[in-house]
Every structure is written in structure tokens, then in C-alpha cells.
């Protein structure tokens, strides 16, 4: 059972490309959401 969960070596390149693509897209998006959330907290605090 556990052996079937091991990733196939032939798919390693595709998995690395998918992981890098995910990181390139989602890290800046997460930072933008954090900035928006911080700005919203400041706006709520001021009003």
C-alpha cells in the first residue's frame, strides 16, 4: 500500500515544473492578500 504512494521517477520533471509554477503564482498573490488585509485592518482601526 505505501509503495503505491511513492511518486514515479518519470514524473519528477513535471512535478517540479508544477511546483515552481504554483510558487511563482501563489507567493506574490498571498503577499498581496496580506497587504490588503493589513490595509483593511488599518482602515477599520481608524474609522
N, C-alpha and C. Protein backbone atom coordinates (compact mmCIF):
# COMPACT_ATOMS: atom_id res chain seq x y z
N UNK A 1 0.82 -1.20 0.00
CA UNK A 1 0.00 0.00 0.00
C UNK A 1 0.87 1.26 0.00
N UNK A 2 1.82 1.33 0.90
CA UNK A 2 2.65 2.52 0.99
C UNK A 2 3.51 2.68 -0.25
N UNK A 3 3.97 1.58 -0.83
CA UNK A 3 4.79 1.65 -2.04
C UNK A 3 4.04 2.28 -3.20
N UNK A 4 2.73 2.15 -3.23
CA UNK A 4 1.96 2.73 -4.33
C UNK A 4 1.83 4.25 -4.21
N UNK A 5 2.12 4.79 -3.03
CA UNK A 5 2.04 6.24 -2.84
C UNK A 5 3.33 6.95 -3.25
N UNK A 6 4.36 6.17 -3.53
CA UNK A 6 5.64 6.76 -3.93
C UNK A 6 5.52 7.36 -5.32
N UNK A 7 5.99 8.60 -5.52
CA UNK A 7 5.87 9.23 -6.85
C UNK A 7 6.74 8.51 -7.88
N UNK A 8 6.26 8.49 -9.09
CA UNK A 8 7.00 7.86 -10.18
C UNK A 8 8.17 8.74 -10.58
N UNK A 9 9.32 8.14 -10.75
CA UNK A 9 10.52 8.90 -11.12
C UNK A 9 10.36 9.56 -12.49
N UNK A 10 9.59 8.96 -13.35
CA UNK A 10 9.38 9.52 -14.68
C UNK A 10 8.57 10.81 -14.66
N UNK A 11 7.85 11.05 -13.59
CA UNK A 11 7.02 12.25 -13.48
C UNK A 11 7.69 13.35 -12.66
N UNK A 12 8.94 13.16 -12.28
CA UNK A 12 9.63 14.12 -11.42
C UNK A 12 9.75 15.50 -12.08
N UNK A 13 10.12 15.54 -13.35
CA UNK A 13 10.28 16.82 -14.04
C UNK A 13 8.96 17.60 -14.09
N UNK A 14 7.89 16.91 -14.41
CA UNK A 14 6.57 17.56 -14.47
C UNK A 14 6.14 18.05 -13.09
N UNK A 15 6.44 17.27 -12.04
CA UNK A 15 6.08 17.67 -10.68
C UNK A 15 6.87 18.91 -10.25
N UNK A 16 8.15 18.97 -10.60
CA UNK A 16 8.96 20.13 -10.24
C UNK A 16 8.46 21.38 -10.96
N UNK A 17 8.15 21.25 -12.24
CA UNK A 17 7.63 22.39 -13.00
C UNK A 17 6.29 22.86 -12.42
N UNK A 18 5.43 21.91 -12.06
CA UNK A 18 4.14 22.28 -11.47
C UNK A 18 4.34 22.97 -10.12
N UNK A 19 5.27 22.49 -9.31
CA UNK A 19 5.54 23.11 -8.01
C UNK A 19 6.09 24.52 -8.16
N UNK A 20 7.01 24.71 -9.10
CA UNK A 20 7.56 26.05 -9.32
C UNK A 20 6.51 27.01 -9.86
N UNK A 21 5.67 26.52 -10.75
CA UNK A 21 4.59 27.36 -11.28
C UNK A 21 3.64 27.78 -10.16
N UNK A 22 3.30 26.84 -9.31
CA UNK A 22 2.43 27.14 -8.16
C UNK A 22 3.06 28.21 -7.28
N UNK A 23 4.36 28.06 -6.99
CA UNK A 23 5.04 29.02 -6.12
C UNK A 23 5.11 30.40 -6.76
N UNK A 24 5.43 30.45 -8.05
CA UNK A 24 5.57 31.74 -8.74
C UNK A 24 4.25 32.50 -8.76
N UNK A 25 3.16 31.79 -8.87
CA UNK A 25 1.85 32.44 -8.93
C UNK A 25 1.33 32.76 -7.53
N UNK A 26 1.46 31.84 -6.59
CA UNK A 26 0.77 31.98 -5.32
C UNK A 26 1.53 32.78 -4.27
N UNK A 27 2.85 32.83 -4.31
CA UNK A 27 3.57 33.62 -3.31
C UNK A 27 3.27 35.11 -3.47
N UNK A 28 3.37 35.68 -4.66
CA UNK A 28 3.02 37.10 -4.78
C UNK A 28 1.53 37.37 -4.48
N UNK A 29 0.69 36.43 -4.86
CA UNK A 29 -0.75 36.60 -4.59
C UNK A 29 -1.00 36.60 -3.08
N UNK A 30 -0.35 35.73 -2.36
CA UNK A 30 -0.52 35.68 -0.90
C UNK A 30 0.00 36.96 -0.26
N UNK A 31 1.12 37.48 -0.77
CA UNK A 31 1.66 38.73 -0.24
C UNK A 31 0.70 39.89 -0.50
N UNK A 32 0.09 39.91 -1.68
CA UNK A 32 -0.88 40.96 -1.99
C UNK A 32 -2.10 40.86 -1.08
N UNK A 33 -2.58 39.66 -0.84
CA UNK A 33 -3.72 39.50 0.06
C UNK A 33 -3.36 39.95 1.47
N UNK A 34 -2.13 39.67 1.90
CA UNK A 34 -1.71 40.10 3.23
C UNK A 34 -1.66 41.63 3.32
N UNK A 35 -1.17 42.27 2.27
CA UNK A 35 -1.14 43.73 2.26
C UNK A 35 -2.55 44.31 2.28
N UNK A 36 -3.44 43.72 1.53
CA UNK A 36 -4.82 44.19 1.53
C UNK A 36 -5.46 43.99 2.90
N UNK A 37 -5.19 42.87 3.52
CA UNK A 37 -5.76 42.61 4.85
C UNK A 37 -5.20 43.58 5.87
N UNK A 38 -3.92 43.88 5.79
CA UNK A 38 -3.32 44.85 6.72
C UNK A 38 -3.91 46.23 6.49
N UNK A 39 -4.11 46.61 5.24
CA UNK A 39 -4.72 47.89 4.93
C UNK A 39 -6.15 47.97 5.43
N UNK A 40 -6.88 46.89 5.29
CA UNK A 40 -8.26 46.86 5.76
C UNK A 40 -8.32 46.97 7.27
N UNK A 41 -7.36 46.33 7.95
CA UNK A 41 -7.33 46.42 9.42
C UNK A 41 -7.04 47.85 9.85
N UNK A 42 -6.13 48.54 9.15
CA UNK A 42 -5.84 49.92 9.48
C UNK A 42 -7.05 50.80 9.23
N UNK A 43 -7.76 50.54 8.13
CA UNK A 43 -8.93 51.33 7.80
C UNK A 43 -10.01 51.15 8.86
N UNK A 44 -10.22 49.95 9.30
CA UNK A 44 -11.23 49.68 10.33
C UNK A 44 -10.79 50.32 11.65
N UNK A 45 -9.50 50.28 11.95
CA UNK A 45 -9.00 50.85 13.19
C UNK A 45 -9.18 52.37 13.23
N UNK A 46 -8.99 53.03 12.07
CA UNK A 46 -9.10 54.48 12.01
C UNK A 46 -10.55 54.93 12.12
N UNK A 47 -11.46 54.24 11.48
CA UNK A 47 -12.85 54.68 11.47
C UNK A 47 -13.63 54.26 12.67
